[in-house]
N, C-alpha and C. Protein backbone atom coordinates (compact mmCIF):
# COMPACT_ATOMS: atom_id res chain seq x y z
N MET A 1 45.82 -37.39 73.59
CA MET A 1 46.36 -38.44 72.87
C MET A 1 46.88 -36.81 71.76
N ASN A 2 48.14 -36.83 72.23
CA ASN A 2 48.74 -35.75 71.47
C ASN A 2 49.17 -36.21 69.62
N LYS A 3 49.81 -35.65 69.14
CA LYS A 3 49.37 -35.98 67.35
C LYS A 3 50.25 -36.65 67.27
N LYS A 4 51.82 -37.08 68.22
CA LYS A 4 52.77 -38.33 68.07
C LYS A 4 52.15 -39.01 67.95
N GLU A 5 51.20 -39.58 69.06
CA GLU A 5 50.51 -41.28 69.51
C GLU A 5 49.90 -40.64 68.53
N GLN A 6 48.89 -39.89 68.37
CA GLN A 6 48.16 -40.71 67.52
C GLN A 6 48.59 -40.92 65.97
N ASP A 7 49.73 -40.38 65.33
CA ASP A 7 50.23 -40.94 64.23
C ASP A 7 50.89 -42.16 64.54
N LYS A 8 51.05 -42.07 65.71
CA LYS A 8 51.09 -43.77 65.73
C LYS A 8 50.71 -44.83 66.09
N PHE A 9 49.12 -44.49 66.74
CA PHE A 9 48.00 -44.70 66.28
C PHE A 9 47.52 -45.60 65.25
N VAL A 10 47.19 -44.22 64.37
CA VAL A 10 46.97 -44.65 63.26
C VAL A 10 47.61 -45.32 62.02
N LYS A 11 48.86 -45.65 62.36
CA LYS A 11 50.24 -46.60 61.85
C LYS A 11 49.90 -47.64 61.99
N GLU A 12 49.40 -48.15 63.63
CA GLU A 12 50.09 -49.60 64.07
C GLU A 12 48.20 -50.01 63.30
N PHE A 13 47.21 -49.34 63.40
CA PHE A 13 46.28 -49.32 62.77
C PHE A 13 46.27 -50.00 61.40
N ILE A 14 46.34 -48.85 60.71
CA ILE A 14 46.72 -49.85 59.54
C ILE A 14 47.65 -50.90 59.29
N GLU A 15 48.73 -51.22 59.73
CA GLU A 15 49.53 -52.13 59.63
C GLU A 15 48.90 -53.61 59.78
N ARG A 16 47.69 -53.34 61.00
CA ARG A 16 47.22 -54.95 61.60
C ARG A 16 45.90 -55.01 61.09
N LYS A 17 46.03 -53.56 59.49
CA LYS A 17 44.79 -54.71 58.65
C LYS A 17 45.38 -55.94 58.01
N PRO A 18 44.07 -56.46 58.01
CA PRO A 18 44.25 -57.19 56.61
C PRO A 18 44.50 -56.79 55.40
N THR A 19 45.10 -57.43 53.70
CA THR A 19 45.41 -56.62 52.72
C THR A 19 45.27 -58.19 51.86
N ARG A 20 45.69 -59.02 52.64
CA ARG A 20 45.49 -60.24 51.48
C ARG A 20 45.23 -61.09 52.46
N CYS A 21 44.12 -62.54 51.12
CA CYS A 21 43.11 -63.25 51.86
C CYS A 21 43.84 -64.27 52.69
N SER A 22 43.60 -64.96 53.60
CA SER A 22 44.79 -65.50 54.98
C SER A 22 44.63 -66.77 54.47
N LYS A 23 43.44 -67.37 53.24
CA LYS A 23 43.62 -68.93 52.88
C LYS A 23 44.37 -68.83 51.37
N CYS A 24 44.41 -67.68 50.69
CA CYS A 24 44.30 -67.97 49.18
C CYS A 24 45.82 -66.99 48.92
N LYS A 25 45.77 -66.04 49.36
CA LYS A 25 46.54 -65.40 49.91
C LYS A 25 46.14 -64.25 48.37
N GLY A 26 44.64 -64.11 48.21
CA GLY A 26 43.76 -62.86 47.14
C GLY A 26 43.68 -61.60 47.61
N ARG A 27 43.13 -61.04 46.68
CA ARG A 27 42.99 -59.67 46.88
C ARG A 27 41.64 -60.30 47.76
N ILE A 28 41.46 -58.70 48.85
CA ILE A 28 40.70 -58.72 49.25
C ILE A 28 39.97 -57.35 49.22
N ARG A 29 38.29 -56.79 49.38
CA ARG A 29 37.72 -55.96 50.03
C ARG A 29 37.14 -55.50 50.79
N TYR A 30 36.73 -54.60 51.38
CA TYR A 30 35.98 -53.39 53.42
C TYR A 30 34.14 -54.18 52.31
N ILE A 31 33.83 -54.89 52.99
CA ILE A 31 32.44 -54.51 53.02
C ILE A 31 31.63 -53.66 54.64
N GLY A 32 32.47 -53.61 55.54
CA GLY A 32 31.67 -53.39 56.54
C GLY A 32 31.83 -53.44 58.44
N ALA A 33 32.27 -52.36 58.63
CA ALA A 33 32.24 -53.19 59.78
C ALA A 33 33.43 -53.58 60.79
N GLY A 34 33.94 -53.97 59.71
CA GLY A 34 35.22 -54.24 60.12
C GLY A 34 35.99 -55.13 59.79
N ARG A 35 35.21 -55.80 58.25
CA ARG A 35 35.18 -57.00 57.52
C ARG A 35 35.27 -57.10 56.30
N TYR A 36 36.70 -57.83 55.51
CA TYR A 36 36.87 -57.80 54.42
C TYR A 36 36.17 -59.19 53.58
N GLU A 37 35.75 -59.28 52.26
CA GLU A 37 35.30 -60.60 51.83
C GLU A 37 36.68 -60.93 50.55
N CYS A 38 37.67 -61.63 50.66
CA CYS A 38 38.12 -61.66 49.49
C CYS A 38 37.56 -62.33 48.26
N PHE A 39 38.24 -61.16 47.07
CA PHE A 39 37.30 -61.70 45.84
C PHE A 39 37.56 -62.87 44.71
N ASP A 40 38.30 -64.08 45.03
CA ASP A 40 38.46 -65.15 44.63
C ASP A 40 37.70 -66.52 45.43
N CYS A 41 38.69 -66.39 46.95
CA CYS A 41 37.09 -67.60 47.77
C CYS A 41 36.19 -67.13 48.68
N GLY A 42 35.88 -66.12 48.76
CA GLY A 42 34.70 -65.73 49.36
C GLY A 42 34.90 -65.35 51.03
N ASN A 43 36.18 -66.16 51.23
CA ASN A 43 36.68 -65.63 53.31
C ASN A 43 36.47 -64.91 52.95
N GLU A 44 35.79 -64.58 54.91
CA GLU A 44 36.05 -62.88 55.05
C GLU A 44 37.13 -63.36 56.23
N GLU A 45 37.36 -62.18 55.98
CA GLU A 45 38.51 -61.65 57.37
C GLU A 45 38.17 -60.57 58.42
N ILE A 46 38.48 -60.32 59.34
CA ILE A 46 37.74 -59.54 60.03
C ILE A 46 38.94 -58.76 60.94
N ASP A 47 39.34 -57.24 60.75
CA ASP A 47 39.95 -56.24 61.40
C ASP A 47 39.83 -56.09 63.18
N ASP A 48 40.75 -55.35 63.45
CA ASP A 48 41.13 -55.57 65.04
C ASP A 48 39.70 -54.69 65.45
N PHE A 49 38.84 -53.71 64.85
CA PHE A 49 37.72 -53.21 64.62
C PHE A 49 36.57 -54.26 64.77
N GLY A 50 36.61 -55.55 63.99
CA GLY A 50 35.68 -56.06 63.88
C GLY A 50 35.52 -56.84 64.69
N LYS A 51 37.15 -57.61 65.18
CA LYS A 51 36.96 -58.17 66.75
C LYS A 51 36.63 -57.01 67.38
N VAL A 52 36.95 -56.00 68.14
CA VAL A 52 36.18 -55.59 69.35
C VAL A 52 34.34 -55.80 68.96
N LYS A 53 34.03 -55.22 67.63
CA LYS A 53 32.81 -55.02 67.58
C LYS A 53 32.17 -56.17 67.87
N ASP A 54 32.51 -56.87 67.47
CA ASP A 54 31.66 -58.72 67.57
C ASP A 54 31.82 -59.03 69.26
N TYR A 55 33.44 -58.02 69.36
CA TYR A 55 32.97 -59.11 71.13
C TYR A 55 31.59 -58.35 72.20
N ILE A 56 31.66 -57.36 71.84
CA ILE A 56 30.78 -56.61 72.09
C ILE A 56 29.62 -56.66 72.15
N ASP A 57 29.21 -57.56 71.10
CA ASP A 57 27.99 -57.49 70.23
C ASP A 57 27.79 -59.05 71.17
N GLU A 58 28.30 -59.53 71.09
CA GLU A 58 28.27 -61.25 71.72
C GLU A 58 27.79 -61.38 73.58
N ASN A 59 28.81 -60.18 73.99
CA ASN A 59 29.83 -60.33 75.71
C ASN A 59 28.75 -59.17 76.60
N GLY A 60 28.84 -57.79 75.52
CA GLY A 60 27.93 -56.67 76.16
C GLY A 60 29.49 -55.50 76.59
N PRO A 61 28.76 -54.36 76.98
CA PRO A 61 29.88 -53.59 76.95
C PRO A 61 31.13 -53.93 78.03
N SER A 62 32.35 -54.20 78.21
CA SER A 62 33.12 -54.57 79.19
C SER A 62 34.86 -53.27 79.01
N PRO A 63 35.76 -53.75 79.58
CA PRO A 63 36.77 -52.73 80.24
C PRO A 63 37.30 -53.23 78.98
N ALA A 64 38.35 -52.13 78.41
CA ALA A 64 39.26 -52.22 77.34
C ALA A 64 40.23 -53.02 78.15
N ILE A 65 40.43 -53.62 78.59
CA ILE A 65 41.42 -54.84 79.07
C ILE A 65 41.00 -55.48 79.08
N ILE A 66 39.91 -56.24 79.47
CA ILE A 66 39.02 -57.51 79.36
C ILE A 66 38.98 -57.54 77.85
N ILE A 67 38.58 -56.57 76.73
CA ILE A 67 38.64 -56.69 75.14
C ILE A 67 39.59 -57.68 74.59
N SER A 68 41.21 -56.39 75.09
CA SER A 68 41.68 -56.84 74.52
C SER A 68 42.59 -58.23 74.88
N GLU A 69 42.11 -58.22 76.61
CA GLU A 69 42.71 -60.17 76.66
C GLU A 69 41.85 -61.32 75.40
N ASN A 70 40.55 -61.32 75.10
CA ASN A 70 40.17 -61.89 74.94
C ASN A 70 39.66 -61.77 73.51
N THR A 71 40.03 -60.79 72.91
CA THR A 71 40.44 -60.17 71.33
C THR A 71 41.57 -60.33 70.68
N GLY A 72 42.64 -60.47 71.50
CA GLY A 72 43.95 -60.02 70.77
C GLY A 72 44.24 -58.84 70.63
N VAL A 73 42.94 -58.17 70.50
CA VAL A 73 43.73 -56.19 69.75
C VAL A 73 44.57 -55.87 70.99
N PRO A 74 45.31 -54.94 70.96
CA PRO A 74 46.50 -54.63 71.99
C PRO A 74 45.31 -53.90 72.43
N GLU A 75 45.39 -52.96 73.98
CA GLU A 75 45.14 -51.64 74.28
C GLU A 75 44.91 -50.46 73.72
N ASP A 76 46.01 -50.59 73.65
CA ASP A 76 45.80 -48.72 72.82
C ASP A 76 45.04 -48.82 71.74
N ILE A 77 44.77 -49.51 71.13
CA ILE A 77 44.47 -49.57 69.59
C ILE A 77 42.96 -49.65 70.30
N ILE A 78 43.06 -50.13 70.86
CA ILE A 78 41.28 -50.48 71.46
C ILE A 78 40.78 -48.51 72.02
N ASN A 79 42.34 -48.07 73.02
CA ASN A 79 41.97 -46.86 73.43
C ASN A 79 41.79 -45.67 72.29
N GLY A 80 42.89 -45.57 71.15
CA GLY A 80 43.09 -44.74 70.02
C GLY A 80 41.16 -44.71 69.00
N MET A 81 40.92 -46.76 68.90
CA MET A 81 40.01 -46.14 68.70
C MET A 81 37.99 -45.15 68.94
N LEU A 82 38.30 -45.31 70.62
CA LEU A 82 37.41 -44.64 71.90
C LEU A 82 38.10 -43.10 71.70
N ARG A 83 39.65 -42.91 71.21
CA ARG A 83 39.67 -41.14 70.63
C ARG A 83 39.27 -40.74 69.40
N GLN A 84 38.92 -41.99 68.63
CA GLN A 84 38.94 -41.58 67.38
C GLN A 84 36.82 -41.25 67.40
N GLY A 85 36.85 -42.15 68.19
CA GLY A 85 34.97 -41.62 68.24
C GLY A 85 34.40 -42.77 67.63
N ARG A 86 35.70 -44.83 67.16
CA ARG A 86 34.55 -45.59 66.44
C ARG A 86 34.09 -45.95 67.72
N LEU A 87 34.50 -46.31 68.90
CA LEU A 87 33.99 -47.09 69.75
C LEU A 87 33.45 -46.07 71.06
N GLU A 88 32.39 -46.17 72.01
CA GLU A 88 32.08 -45.15 73.03
C GLU A 88 31.60 -46.06 73.78
N ILE A 89 32.04 -44.88 75.06
CA ILE A 89 31.52 -45.87 76.76
C ILE A 89 30.56 -45.84 77.08
N PRO A 90 29.55 -46.52 77.86
CA PRO A 90 27.93 -46.65 77.90
C PRO A 90 27.60 -45.79 78.82
N GLU A 91 26.58 -45.05 79.25
CA GLU A 91 26.32 -44.17 79.66
C GLU A 91 26.46 -44.89 80.99
N GLY A 92 26.38 -44.24 82.35
CA GLY A 92 26.57 -45.07 83.44
C GLY A 92 28.62 -45.65 83.58
N SER A 93 28.70 -45.59 83.01
CA SER A 93 29.96 -46.47 82.75
C SER A 93 30.76 -46.56 84.49
N ALA A 94 31.46 -47.24 85.43
CA ALA A 94 32.00 -46.03 86.33
C ALA A 94 33.98 -46.04 85.70
N VAL A 95 34.11 -46.19 84.83
CA VAL A 95 35.37 -45.77 83.86
C VAL A 95 34.69 -44.37 83.00
N TYR A 96 35.49 -43.81 82.52
CA TYR A 96 35.75 -43.13 81.36
C TYR A 96 36.64 -42.42 80.59
N ILE A 97 36.57 -41.82 80.12
CA ILE A 97 38.81 -41.61 79.02
C ILE A 97 38.30 -39.98 79.34
N THR A 98 39.24 -39.29 79.99
CA THR A 98 39.53 -38.06 79.78
C THR A 98 39.36 -36.38 78.68
N CYS A 99 38.93 -35.75 78.97
CA CYS A 99 38.94 -34.56 77.73
C CYS A 99 40.95 -34.81 77.44
N GLU A 100 41.08 -34.36 76.49
CA GLU A 100 42.58 -33.47 76.19
C GLU A 100 42.93 -32.39 77.14
N SER A 101 41.66 -31.57 76.85
CA SER A 101 41.59 -29.51 77.04
C SER A 101 41.43 -29.65 78.22
N CYS A 102 40.86 -30.11 78.88
CA CYS A 102 40.29 -29.27 80.36
C CYS A 102 39.98 -30.97 81.54
N GLY A 103 40.37 -32.00 81.05
CA GLY A 103 40.67 -33.19 81.41
C GLY A 103 38.94 -33.87 82.40
N CYS A 104 37.77 -32.74 81.89
CA CYS A 104 36.67 -33.67 82.51
C CYS A 104 36.77 -34.93 81.75
N SER A 105 35.06 -36.02 82.44
CA SER A 105 35.19 -37.43 81.63
C SER A 105 34.26 -37.24 80.27
N ILE A 106 35.32 -38.31 79.41
CA ILE A 106 33.81 -38.34 77.91
C ILE A 106 33.80 -39.24 77.61
N ARG A 107 32.76 -39.89 77.49
CA ARG A 107 32.70 -41.40 76.52
C ARG A 107 33.38 -41.39 75.02
N TYR A 108 33.85 -40.85 74.57
CA TYR A 108 34.42 -40.49 73.62
C TYR A 108 35.49 -39.07 72.94
N GLY A 109 35.79 -39.87 72.11
CA GLY A 109 36.76 -38.89 71.55
C GLY A 109 37.94 -37.97 72.46
N ARG A 110 38.19 -36.63 71.80
CA ARG A 110 39.29 -36.79 72.57
C ARG A 110 39.23 -35.22 73.68
N PHE A 111 37.90 -34.25 72.13
CA PHE A 111 37.61 -32.82 73.95
C PHE A 111 36.13 -32.95 74.10
N CYS A 112 35.79 -32.37 74.72
CA CYS A 112 34.38 -32.16 75.83
C CYS A 112 33.80 -31.54 74.38
N PRO A 113 32.52 -31.71 74.63
CA PRO A 113 32.07 -30.38 73.91
C PRO A 113 31.53 -28.82 74.23
N ASP A 114 32.41 -28.52 75.22
CA ASP A 114 32.82 -27.04 75.56
C ASP A 114 33.60 -26.54 75.19
N CYS A 115 34.99 -28.35 75.04
CA CYS A 115 36.33 -27.34 74.53
C CYS A 115 36.32 -27.49 73.18
N ILE A 116 35.17 -28.08 72.37
CA ILE A 116 35.70 -27.80 71.05
C ILE A 116 34.48 -26.70 70.83
N ARG A 117 33.83 -25.80 71.53
CA ARG A 117 32.71 -24.77 71.84
C ARG A 117 34.08 -23.71 71.18
N ASN A 118 34.35 -24.20 72.60
CA ASN A 118 35.77 -22.39 72.80
C ASN A 118 37.26 -22.33 71.85
N ARG A 119 36.75 -23.70 70.90
CA ARG A 119 38.36 -23.94 69.92
C ARG A 119 37.23 -23.33 68.73
N THR A 120 36.15 -23.49 68.32
CA THR A 120 35.47 -23.19 68.00
C THR A 120 35.23 -21.69 66.91
N ASN A 121 34.89 -20.78 68.32
CA ASN A 121 34.55 -20.16 68.44
C ASN A 121 36.44 -19.61 67.92
N SER A 122 37.13 -19.97 69.38
CA SER A 122 38.67 -18.92 68.48
C SER A 122 39.12 -19.01 67.09
N LEU A 123 38.62 -19.85 66.38
CA LEU A 123 39.48 -20.24 65.21
C LEU A 123 38.64 -19.33 64.44
N LYS A 124 37.07 -18.67 64.34
CA LYS A 124 36.52 -17.03 63.89
C LYS A 124 37.10 -16.63 63.20
N GLY A 125 37.88 -15.50 64.20
CA GLY A 125 38.51 -14.66 63.83
C GLY A 125 39.48 -14.68 62.86
N VAL A 126 40.47 -16.28 63.48
CA VAL A 126 42.11 -16.72 63.03
C VAL A 126 41.76 -16.60 60.80
N PHE A 127 40.05 -17.18 60.93
CA PHE A 127 39.81 -17.11 59.61
C PHE A 127 38.64 -16.14 58.43
N PHE A 128 38.87 -15.29 59.42
CA PHE A 128 38.28 -13.91 58.77
C PHE A 128 38.74 -12.99 57.68
N ASN A 129 38.30 -13.05 56.49
CA ASN A 129 38.18 -12.94 55.14
C ASN A 129 37.38 -11.59 55.19
N PRO A 130 38.36 -10.60 54.71
CA PRO A 130 37.63 -9.04 54.65
C PRO A 130 37.03 -9.29 53.32
N GLU A 131 37.28 -10.30 52.44
CA GLU A 131 36.63 -9.92 50.57
C GLU A 131 35.66 -10.70 51.04
N VAL A 132 34.84 -11.21 52.24
CA VAL A 132 33.83 -12.00 52.25
C VAL A 132 33.01 -11.44 52.96
N GLY A 133 32.14 -11.01 52.60
CA GLY A 133 30.48 -9.92 53.88
C GLY A 133 29.21 -10.86 53.58
N GLU A 134 29.23 -9.92 54.41
CA GLU A 134 27.54 -11.36 55.00
C GLU A 134 26.52 -10.60 54.75
N LYS A 135 25.59 -11.69 54.32
CA LYS A 135 24.52 -11.54 53.85
C LYS A 135 22.84 -10.74 54.52
N PRO A 136 22.79 -9.43 54.06
CA PRO A 136 21.38 -9.58 54.86
C PRO A 136 20.42 -10.11 55.25
N GLN A 137 19.75 -9.37 56.59
CA GLN A 137 18.96 -10.64 57.26
C GLN A 137 17.17 -10.32 56.09
N ARG A 138 17.19 -9.23 55.87
CA ARG A 138 15.97 -9.04 54.59
C ARG A 138 16.70 -7.91 53.16
N GLU A 139 16.11 -8.41 52.36
CA GLU A 139 16.58 -7.36 51.36
C GLU A 139 15.69 -6.57 50.56
N VAL A 140 15.76 -5.66 50.02
CA VAL A 140 15.20 -4.93 49.98
C VAL A 140 15.09 -4.84 48.29
N PRO A 141 13.98 -5.19 47.92
CA PRO A 141 13.48 -5.78 46.76
C PRO A 141 14.54 -3.66 45.63
N THR A 142 15.19 -4.42 44.46
CA THR A 142 15.40 -3.61 43.69
C THR A 142 14.54 -3.27 42.27
N GLN A 143 15.18 -1.51 41.48
CA GLN A 143 14.22 -1.35 40.43
C GLN A 143 15.46 -1.09 39.57
N GLU A 144 14.58 -2.65 38.46
CA GLU A 144 15.98 -2.60 37.47
C GLU A 144 15.99 -1.14 36.48
N GLY A 145 17.16 -0.29 36.48
CA GLY A 145 16.48 0.07 34.59
C GLY A 145 16.55 1.62 35.80
N LYS A 146 16.96 2.34 36.81
CA LYS A 146 16.72 2.90 36.62
C LYS A 146 17.11 4.07 37.63
N MET A 147 17.57 5.45 37.61
CA MET A 147 18.05 6.21 38.33
C MET A 147 18.51 6.50 39.63
N HIS A 148 18.99 5.75 40.58
CA HIS A 148 18.47 6.23 42.16
C HIS A 148 19.57 7.55 43.32
N PHE A 149 19.08 8.12 43.72
CA PHE A 149 19.73 9.32 44.12
C PHE A 149 19.46 9.03 46.00
N PHE A 150 20.67 9.74 46.32
CA PHE A 150 20.54 9.95 47.66
C PHE A 150 19.46 11.34 48.29
N ASN A 151 19.01 10.86 49.32
CA ASN A 151 17.87 11.86 49.69
C ASN A 151 19.61 13.19 50.64
N LEU A 152 19.77 14.60 49.65
CA LEU A 152 20.44 15.59 50.04
C LEU A 152 20.23 16.01 51.41
N SER A 153 19.31 16.47 51.37
CA SER A 153 19.08 17.34 52.06
C SER A 153 18.66 16.64 53.54
N LYS A 154 18.57 15.05 53.34
CA LYS A 154 18.41 15.15 54.73
C LYS A 154 19.68 14.54 55.51
N ILE A 155 20.95 13.73 54.85
CA ILE A 155 22.49 14.42 54.73
C ILE A 155 23.37 15.64 55.21
N ARG A 156 22.56 16.10 54.73
CA ARG A 156 23.32 17.17 55.37
C ARG A 156 22.57 17.96 56.46
N LYS A 157 21.47 18.30 57.16
CA LYS A 157 21.39 18.30 58.22
C LYS A 157 22.32 17.85 59.22
């Protein structure tokens, strides 16, 4: 899922969320797990994530196309939920999604753990800041108020 596909998913996902109560057109509030409640009449609305979650809770793990047919949630949205980590493919499944970097099979997300580790390690060099020092592993207690000298005889040898 490249940047353009991800932006499209986010836009479509947000556009499909309920914004008003379907019964009284009142304001709604998010109560969790894809569910919303109307302030005025108490009606409960469900977004795409709630529909998919309810279907999986009732019927168990199923392929995205079957979930899409039974819930009315587009398959692209379900795949986007997998890429965002909102859903995951169960262990032992016949089909998985692929890592966007190396192509290996993964259960959810965009990248496998190895590719994330490589990306993180390569980013450490980018964010090096010479003004930030490293903490010592063992700190030597300081003596307040006394003057300290280097042992010059050891340095000259």
